[in-house]
Amino acid sequence: MIELKLANRHRLVTTSAQIQIRPLHSFAEFKQVLDLRYRGYGYFATPAQALDALDLAEHSLILVAELAKRGIVGTLRLLDGRYGPIELEQFVPIATIPQLHQRSFIEATRFTIRHCRELLAVKLLLCKALWMYSLQQGHEYLVISSTQRLAAFYRMLLFEDVGTAGVYRHPRLGQSEHRMFLLPVQTALERYHAAQHPLYKFMHQPQPNIRLKPSNTRYN
């Protein structure tokens, strides 16, 4: 588990106030997001190759993390499984995952953050935003896939490792091995409280700098 001592938690709250989380709302920002993915993943020949069809789907929502005077430093994409395909379906037979059978869920993909001193705060705020969005939309599960390098981070957030049924190699990301993780959306806070998790207060407190309502125009 990532150590979050009292001083670190205080610094997390202070730093979080400087970061805005909101939906993407212009084509110029979309190009910034593609560049961020290109630099962050290291598997794309050009920023344009970081684009895929699901980015433009009606059931997708791209969030960005913005720092004052430094612009967009982080991004992730949400795909609502009620209204269209999710990326994971290309690699894993969703029907074989018992937790997702006849359940509603959101998939989080293309999680990318520029290296900066606020990296942990940006990462946690984006995770809180995707949980908040899933909660607002009434979903039962939040789905995310990760390489082994980041698996400990999602376990720290009390995501459940699906196990071998959720392991696959991603063809667009260098054939890197990915693992599938699930978070029960409606009971997440209860789980944090029961575990005396150091992030319980952070997840529970209001976050006025997280805005989740998308723009009326898509990337114009």
C-alpha atoms as a PDB file:
ATOM      1  CA  MET A   1       0.000   0.000   0.000  1.00  0.00           C
ATOM      2  CA  ILE A   2       1.163   3.531  -0.790  1.00  0.00           C
ATOM      3  CA  GLU A   3       2.080   5.184   2.492  1.00  0.00           C
ATOM      4  CA  LEU A   4      -0.041   8.271   3.133  1.00  0.00           C
ATOM      5  CA  LYS A   5       1.039   9.661   6.466  1.00  0.00           C
ATOM      6  CA  LEU A   6      -0.771  12.620   8.043  1.00  0.00           C
ATOM      7  CA  ALA A   7       1.626  15.186   6.557  1.00  0.00           C
ATOM      8  CA  ASN A   8       1.221  13.618   3.135  1.00  0.00           C
ATOM      9  CA  ARG A   9      -2.567  13.655   3.405  1.00  0.00           C
ATOM     10  CA  HIS A  10      -2.485  17.351   4.322  1.00  0.00           C
ATOM     11  CA  ARG A  11      -0.261  18.035   1.324  1.00  0.00           C
ATOM     12  CA  LEU A  12      -2.621  15.992  -0.860  1.00  0.00           C
ATOM     13  CA  VAL A  13      -5.593  18.172   0.129  1.00  0.00           C
ATOM     14  CA  THR A  14      -3.610  21.361  -0.474  1.00  0.00           C
ATOM     15  CA  THR A  15      -2.296  20.207  -3.842  1.00  0.00           C
ATOM     16  CA  SER A  16      -5.696  18.900  -4.956  1.00  0.00           C
ATOM     17  CA  ALA A  17      -7.177  22.385  -4.636  1.00  0.00           C
ATOM     18  CA  GLN A  18      -4.842  23.539  -7.442  1.00  0.00           C
ATOM     19  CA  ILE A  19      -6.069  20.881  -9.915  1.00  0.00           C
ATOM     20  CA  GLN A  20      -9.247  21.054 -11.985  1.00  0.00           C
ATOM     21  CA  ILE A  21     -10.869  17.861 -13.292  1.00  0.00           C
ATOM     22  CA  ARG A  22     -13.379  18.366 -16.108  1.00  0.00           C
ATOM     23  CA  PRO A  23     -14.577  16.921 -19.415  1.00  0.00           C
ATOM     24  CA  LEU A  24     -12.691  17.631 -22.600  1.00  0.00           C
ATOM     25  CA  HIS A  25     -14.521  20.274 -24.619  1.00  0.00           C
ATOM     26  CA  SER A  26     -12.535  21.342 -27.682  1.00  0.00           C
ATOM     27  CA  PHE A  27     -10.617  19.869 -30.591  1.00  0.00           C
ATOM     28  CA  ALA A  28      -7.509  21.804 -29.539  1.00  0.00           C
ATOM     29  CA  GLU A  29      -7.652  20.080 -26.143  1.00  0.00           C
ATOM     30  CA  PHE A  30      -8.270  16.746 -27.858  1.00  0.00           C
ATOM     31  CA  LYS A  31      -4.953  17.165 -29.689  1.00  0.00           C
ATOM     32  CA  GLN A  32      -3.274  17.841 -26.338  1.00  0.00           C
ATOM     33  CA  VAL A  33      -4.784  14.636 -24.964  1.00  0.00           C
ATOM     34  CA  LEU A  34      -3.474  12.625 -27.922  1.00  0.00           C
ATOM     35  CA  ASP A  35      -0.018  14.133 -27.442  1.00  0.00           C
ATOM     36  CA  LEU A  36      -0.156  13.271 -23.748  1.00  0.00           C
ATOM     37  CA  ARG A  37      -1.016   9.646 -24.573  1.00  0.00           C
ATOM     38  CA  TYR A  38       1.713   9.529 -27.218  1.00  0.00           C
ATOM     39  CA  ARG A  39       4.366  10.686 -24.764  1.00  0.00           C
ATOM     40  CA  GLY A  40       3.023   8.727 -21.805  1.00  0.00           C
ATOM     41  CA  TYR A  41       2.542   5.294 -23.352  1.00  0.00           C
ATOM     42  CA  GLY A  42       5.560   5.256 -25.646  1.00  0.00           C
ATOM     43  CA  TYR A  43       3.980   2.752 -28.052  1.00  0.00           C
ATOM     44  CA  PHE A  44       2.573   5.124 -30.678  1.00  0.00           C
ATOM     45  CA  ALA A  45       4.607   6.318 -33.687  1.00  0.00           C
ATOM     46  CA  THR A  46       2.744   9.655 -33.750  1.00  0.00           C
ATOM     47  CA  PRO A  47       0.169  11.404 -31.536  1.00  0.00           C
ATOM     48  CA  ALA A  48      -2.478  10.675 -34.195  1.00  0.00           C
ATOM     49  CA  GLN A  49      -2.021   6.933 -33.624  1.00  0.00           C
ATOM     50  CA  ALA A  50      -3.117   7.409 -30.015  1.00  0.00           C
ATOM     51  CA  LEU A  51      -6.645   8.053 -31.333  1.00  0.00           C
ATOM     52  CA  ASP A  52      -9.088   5.171 -31.630  1.00  0.00           C
ATOM     53  CA  ALA A  53     -12.740   4.862 -32.650  1.00  0.00           C
ATOM     54  CA  LEU A  54     -13.998   4.682 -29.055  1.00  0.00           C
ATOM     55  CA  ASP A  55     -12.725   8.220 -28.422  1.00  0.00           C
ATOM     56  CA  LEU A  56     -15.448   9.523 -30.731  1.00  0.00           C
ATOM     57  CA  ALA A  57     -18.241   7.212 -29.569  1.00  0.00           C
ATOM     58  CA  GLU A  58     -21.338   8.808 -28.059  1.00  0.00           C
ATOM     59  CA  HIS A  59     -21.018   6.693 -24.902  1.00  0.00           C
ATOM     60  CA  SER A  60     -17.464   7.904 -24.178  1.00  0.00           C
ATOM     61  CA  LEU A  61     -16.399  10.771 -21.938  1.00  0.00           C
ATOM     62  CA  ILE A  62     -12.815  12.042 -21.859  1.00  0.00           C
ATOM     63  CA  LEU A  63     -11.752  13.767 -18.647  1.00  0.00           C
ATOM     64  CA  VAL A  64      -8.737  16.026 -18.264  1.00  0.00           C
ATOM     65  CA  ALA A  65      -6.757  17.220 -15.257  1.00  0.00           C
ATOM     66  CA  GLU A  66      -5.673  20.835 -15.575  1.00  0.00           C
ATOM     67  CA  LEU A  67      -3.119  22.761 -13.549  1.00  0.00           C
ATOM     68  CA  ALA A  68      -3.179  26.557 -13.521  1.00  0.00           C
ATOM     69  CA  LYS A  69      -0.610  28.058 -15.926  1.00  0.00           C
ATOM     70  CA  ARG A  70       0.523  24.562 -16.989  1.00  0.00           C
ATOM     71  CA  GLY A  71      -2.551  23.325 -18.812  1.00  0.00           C
ATOM     72  CA  ILE A  72      -3.599  19.691 -19.192  1.00  0.00           C
ATOM     73  CA  VAL A  73      -1.378  17.278 -17.255  1.00  0.00           C
ATOM     74  CA  GLY A  74      -3.595  14.190 -17.080  1.00  0.00           C
ATOM     75  CA  THR A  75      -6.453  12.427 -18.842  1.00  0.00           C
ATOM     76  CA  LEU A  76      -8.603   9.322 -18.868  1.00  0.00           C
ATOM     77  CA  ARG A  77     -11.520   8.020 -20.910  1.00  0.00           C
ATOM     78  CA  LEU A  78     -14.773   6.619 -19.545  1.00  0.00           C
ATOM     79  CA  LEU A  79     -16.911   4.187 -21.554  1.00  0.00           C
ATOM     80  CA  ASP A  80     -20.475   3.484 -20.413  1.00  0.00           C
ATOM     81  CA  GLY A  81     -21.147  -0.220 -20.922  1.00  0.00           C
ATOM     82  CA  ARG A  82     -24.927   0.320 -21.035  1.00  0.00           C
ATOM     83  CA  TYR A  83     -24.820   2.247 -24.302  1.00  0.00           C
ATOM     84  CA  GLY A  84     -22.024   0.743 -26.369  1.00  0.00           C
ATOM     85  CA  PRO A  85     -18.939  -1.461 -26.493  1.00  0.00           C
ATOM     86  CA  ILE A  86     -16.059  -1.097 -24.076  1.00  0.00           C
ATOM     87  CA  GLU A  87     -12.415  -1.624 -25.004  1.00  0.00           C
ATOM     88  CA  LEU A  88     -11.974  -4.657 -22.764  1.00  0.00           C
ATOM     89  CA  GLU A  89     -14.516  -6.634 -24.801  1.00  0.00           C
ATOM     90  CA  GLN A  90     -11.933  -6.837 -27.596  1.00  0.00           C
ATOM     91  CA  PHE A  91      -9.629  -8.908 -25.376  1.00  0.00           C
ATOM     92  CA  VAL A  92     -11.654 -10.560 -22.604  1.00  0.00           C
ATOM     93  CA  PRO A  93     -15.033 -12.372 -22.888  1.00  0.00           C
ATOM     94  CA  ILE A  94     -17.011 -10.191 -20.472  1.00  0.00           C
ATOM     95  CA  ALA A  95     -19.684 -12.897 -20.121  1.00  0.00           C
ATOM     96  CA  THR A  96     -17.119 -15.043 -18.255  1.00  0.00           C
ATOM     97  CA  ILE A  97     -16.680 -12.422 -15.503  1.00  0.00           C
ATOM     98  CA  PRO A  98     -19.349 -13.277 -12.884  1.00  0.00           C
ATOM     99  CA  GLN A  99     -19.347  -9.826 -11.259  1.00  0.00           C
ATOM    100  CA  LEU A 100     -20.283  -8.159 -14.547  1.00  0.00           C
ATOM    101  CA  HIS A 101     -22.982 -10.583 -15.697  1.00  0.00           C
ATOM    102  CA  GLN A 102     -26.155  -8.536 -16.250  1.00  0.00           C
ATOM    103  CA  ARG A 103     -24.620  -5.658 -14.277  1.00  0.00           C
ATOM    104  CA  SER A 104     -24.094  -2.027 -15.272  1.00  0.00           C
ATOM    105  CA  PHE A 105     -20.527  -0.762 -15.366  1.00  0.00           C
ATOM    106  CA  ILE A 106     -18.176   1.985 -16.528  1.00  0.00           C
ATOM    107  CA  GLU A 107     -14.777   1.200 -18.013  1.00  0.00           C
ATOM    108  CA  ALA A 108     -11.865   3.592 -17.461  1.00  0.00           C
ATOM    109  CA  THR A 109      -9.179   3.535 -20.172  1.00  0.00           C
ATOM    110  CA  ARG A 110      -6.293   5.609 -21.562  1.00  0.00           C
ATOM    111  CA  PHE A 111      -5.232   6.796 -18.097  1.00  0.00           C
ATOM    112  CA  THR A 112      -2.229   9.068 -18.757  1.00  0.00           C
ATOM    113  CA  ILE A 113      -0.441  11.616 -16.578  1.00  0.00           C
ATOM    114  CA  ARG A 114       2.496  13.865 -17.403  1.00  0.00           C
ATOM    115  CA  HIS A 115       5.360  13.526 -14.951  1.00  0.00           C
ATOM    116  CA  CYS A 116       5.103  16.394 -12.462  1.00  0.00           C
ATOM    117  CA  ARG A 117       5.464  16.952  -8.730  1.00  0.00           C
ATOM    118  CA  GLU A 118       1.664  16.835  -8.383  1.00  0.00           C
ATOM    119  CA  LEU A 119       1.497  13.415 -10.061  1.00  0.00           C
ATOM    120  CA  LEU A 120      -0.012  11.506  -7.100  1.00  0.00           C
ATOM    121  CA  ALA A 121      -2.660  14.176  -6.484  1.00  0.00           C
ATOM    122  CA  VAL A 122      -3.594  14.213 -10.192  1.00  0.00           C
ATOM    123  CA  LYS A 123      -3.817  10.422 -10.265  1.00  0.00           C
ATOM    124  CA  LEU A 124      -6.010  10.251  -7.165  1.00  0.00           C
ATOM    125  CA  LEU A 125      -8.283  13.083  -8.299  1.00  0.00           C
ATOM    126  CA  LEU A 126      -8.874  11.404 -11.657  1.00  0.00           C
ATOM    127  CA  CYS A 127      -9.679   8.150  -9.849  1.00  0.00           C
ATOM    128  CA  LYS A 128     -12.072   9.980  -7.545  1.00  0.00           C
ATOM    129  CA  ALA A 129     -13.691  11.654 -10.567  1.00  0.00           C
ATOM    130  CA  LEU A 130     -14.300   8.362 -12.351  1.00  0.00           C
ATOM    131  CA  TRP A 131     -15.764   6.859  -9.152  1.00  0.00           C
ATOM    132  CA  MET A 132     -18.003   9.945  -8.689  1.00  0.00           C
ATOM    133  CA  TYR A 133     -19.203   9.714 -12.290  1.00  0.00           C
ATOM    134  CA  SER A 134     -19.956   6.003 -11.936  1.00  0.00           C
ATOM    135  CA  LEU A 135     -21.866   6.716  -8.712  1.00  0.00           C
ATOM    136  CA  GLN A 136     -23.871   9.556 -10.276  1.00  0.00           C
ATOM    137  CA  GLN A 137     -24.790   7.365 -13.247  1.00  0.00           C
ATOM    138  CA  GLY A 138     -25.989   4.560 -10.968  1.00  0.00           C
ATOM    139  CA  HIS A 139     -23.451   1.957 -12.070  1.00  0.00           C
ATOM    140  CA  GLU A 140     -22.618  -1.112 -10.032  1.00  0.00           C
ATOM    141  CA  TYR A 141     -18.991  -1.585 -11.056  1.00  0.00           C
ATOM    142  CA  LEU A 142     -16.011   0.405 -12.211  1.00  0.00           C
ATOM    143  CA  VAL A 143     -13.712  -1.549 -14.545  1.00  0.00           C
ATOM    144  CA  ILE A 144     -10.079  -0.749 -15.247  1.00  0.00           C
ATOM    145  CA  SER A 145      -7.123  -2.639 -16.720  1.00  0.00           C
ATOM    146  CA  SER A 146      -3.510  -2.134 -15.750  1.00  0.00           C
ATOM    147  CA  THR A 147       0.000  -3.364 -16.383  1.00  0.00           C
ATOM    148  CA  GLN A 148       1.761  -5.136 -13.532  1.00  0.00           C
ATOM    149  CA  ARG A 149       3.697  -1.927 -12.839  1.00  0.00           C
ATOM    150  CA  LEU A 150       0.527  -0.121 -11.733  1.00  0.00           C
ATOM    151  CA  ALA A 151      -1.350  -3.067 -10.240  1.00  0.00           C
ATOM    152  CA  ALA A 152      -0.295  -2.181  -6.683  1.00  0.00           C
ATOM    153  CA  PHE A 153      -1.861   1.277  -7.067  1.00  0.00           C
ATOM    154  CA  TYR A 154      -5.309  -0.150  -7.883  1.00  0.00           C
ATOM    155  CA  ARG A 155      -5.058  -2.734  -5.130  1.00  0.00           C
ATOM    156  CA  MET A 156      -4.264   0.134  -2.768  1.00  0.00           C
ATOM    157  CA  LEU A 157      -7.534   1.748  -3.896  1.00  0.00           C
ATOM    158  CA  LEU A 158      -9.296  -1.541  -3.002  1.00  0.00           C
ATOM    159  CA  PHE A 159     -10.023  -2.582  -6.561  1.00  0.00           C
ATOM    160  CA  GLU A 160     -10.519  -6.354  -6.852  1.00  0.00           C
ATOM    161  CA  ASP A 161      -8.112  -8.290  -9.083  1.00  0.00           C
ATOM    162  CA  VAL A 162     -10.248 -10.494 -11.355  1.00  0.00           C
ATOM    163  CA  GLY A 163      -7.422 -13.025 -11.663  1.00  0.00           C
ATOM    164  CA  THR A 164      -6.440 -15.117 -14.683  1.00  0.00           C
ATOM    165  CA  ALA A 165      -9.827 -14.566 -16.381  1.00  0.00           C
ATOM    166  CA  GLY A 166      -8.960 -10.890 -16.719  1.00  0.00           C
ATOM    167  CA  VAL A 167      -5.359 -11.193 -17.972  1.00  0.00           C
ATOM    168  CA  TYR A 168      -4.604 -10.317 -21.601  1.00  0.00           C
ATOM    169  CA  ARG A 169      -1.991  -8.701 -23.836  1.00  0.00           C
ATOM    170  CA  HIS A 170      -2.856  -5.344 -25.372  1.00  0.00           C
ATOM    171  CA  PRO A 171      -1.998  -5.314 -29.109  1.00  0.00           C
ATOM    172  CA  ARG A 172      -1.944  -1.516 -29.419  1.00  0.00           C
ATOM    173  CA  LEU A 173       0.205  -1.026 -26.336  1.00  0.00           C
ATOM    174  CA  GLY A 174       3.247  -3.100 -27.209  1.00  0.00           C
ATOM    175  CA  GLN A 175       1.617  -6.451 -26.343  1.00  0.00           C
ATOM    176  CA  SER A 176       2.081  -5.520 -22.691  1.00  0.00           C
ATOM    177  CA  GLU A 177       0.323  -7.792 -20.210  1.00  0.00           C
ATOM    178  CA  HIS A 178      -2.708  -6.210 -18.569  1.00  0.00           C
ATOM    179  CA  ARG A 179      -4.804  -7.280 -15.595  1.00  0.00           C
ATOM    180  CA  MET A 180      -8.453  -6.449 -15.040  1.00  0.00           C
ATOM    181  CA  PHE A 181      -9.606  -4.787 -11.800  1.00  0.00           C
ATOM    182  CA  LEU A 182     -13.112  -4.061 -10.498  1.00  0.00           C
ATOM    183  CA  LEU A 183     -14.423  -1.635  -7.873  1.00  0.00           C
ATOM    184  CA  PRO A 184     -17.981  -2.052  -6.519  1.00  0.00           C
ATOM    185  CA  VAL A 185     -19.174   1.528  -6.970  1.00  0.00           C
ATOM    186  CA  GLN A 186     -22.058   1.767  -4.504  1.00  0.00           C
ATOM    187  CA  THR A 187     -20.164   0.288  -1.538  1.00  0.00           C
ATOM    188  CA  ALA A 188     -16.722   1.795  -2.164  1.00  0.00           C
ATOM    189  CA  LEU A 189     -16.917   4.306   0.696  1.00  0.00           C
ATOM    190  CA  GLU A 190     -18.071   1.604   3.096  1.00  0.00           C
ATOM    191  CA  ARG A 191     -15.092  -0.507   2.074  1.00  0.00           C
ATOM    192  CA  TYR A 192     -12.690   2.391   2.687  1.00  0.00           C
ATOM    193  CA  HIS A 193     -14.258   3.092   6.077  1.00  0.00           C
ATOM    194  CA  ALA A 194     -14.194  -0.560   7.163  1.00  0.00           C
ATOM    195  CA  ALA A 195     -10.529  -0.853   6.154  1.00  0.00           C
ATOM    196  CA  GLN A 196      -9.650   2.410   7.965  1.00  0.00           C
ATOM    197  CA  HIS A 197      -8.198   3.432   4.649  1.00  0.00           C
ATOM    198  CA  PRO A 198      -6.005   6.578   4.679  1.00  0.00           C
ATOM    199  CA  LEU A 199      -7.947   7.898   1.664  1.00  0.00           C
ATOM    200  CA  TYR A 200     -11.407   7.555   3.207  1.00  0.00           C
ATOM    201  CA  LYS A 201     -11.708  11.249   4.112  1.00  0.00           C
ATOM    202  CA  PHE A 202     -10.287  12.295   0.741  1.00  0.00           C
ATOM    203  CA  MET A 203     -12.865  10.199  -1.112  1.00  0.00           C
ATOM    204  CA  HIS A 204     -15.719  11.263   1.164  1.00  0.00           C
ATOM    205  CA  GLN A 205     -15.170  15.028   1.183  1.00  0.00           C
ATOM    206  CA  PRO A 206     -16.844  17.293  -1.430  1.00  0.00           C
ATOM    207  CA  GLN A 207     -14.608  18.099  -4.388  1.00  0.00           C
ATOM    208  CA  PRO A 208     -15.705  21.419  -5.970  1.00  0.00           C
ATOM    209  CA  ASN A 209     -12.827  21.295  -8.461  1.00  0.00           C
ATOM    210  CA  ILE A 210     -14.237  18.136 -10.079  1.00  0.00           C
ATOM    211  CA  ARG A 211     -16.832  18.925 -12.758  1.00  0.00           C
ATOM    212  CA  LEU A 212     -18.363  16.024 -14.641  1.00  0.00           C
ATOM    213  CA  LYS A 213     -21.085  17.504 -16.833  1.00  0.00           C
ATOM    214  CA  PRO A 214     -19.931  17.297 -20.472  1.00  0.00           C
ATOM    215  CA  SER A 215     -20.104  20.225 -22.867  1.00  0.00           C
ATOM    216  CA  ASN A 216     -23.020  20.442 -25.317  1.00  0.00           C
ATOM    217  CA  THR A 217     -20.491  20.281 -28.160  1.00  0.00           C
ATOM    218  CA  ARG A 218     -18.043  17.423 -28.669  1.00  0.00           C
ATOM    219  CA  TYR A 219     -14.486  18.553 -29.456  1.00  0.00           C
ATOM    220  CA  ASN A 220     -15.473  21.462 -31.723  1.00  0.00           C
END
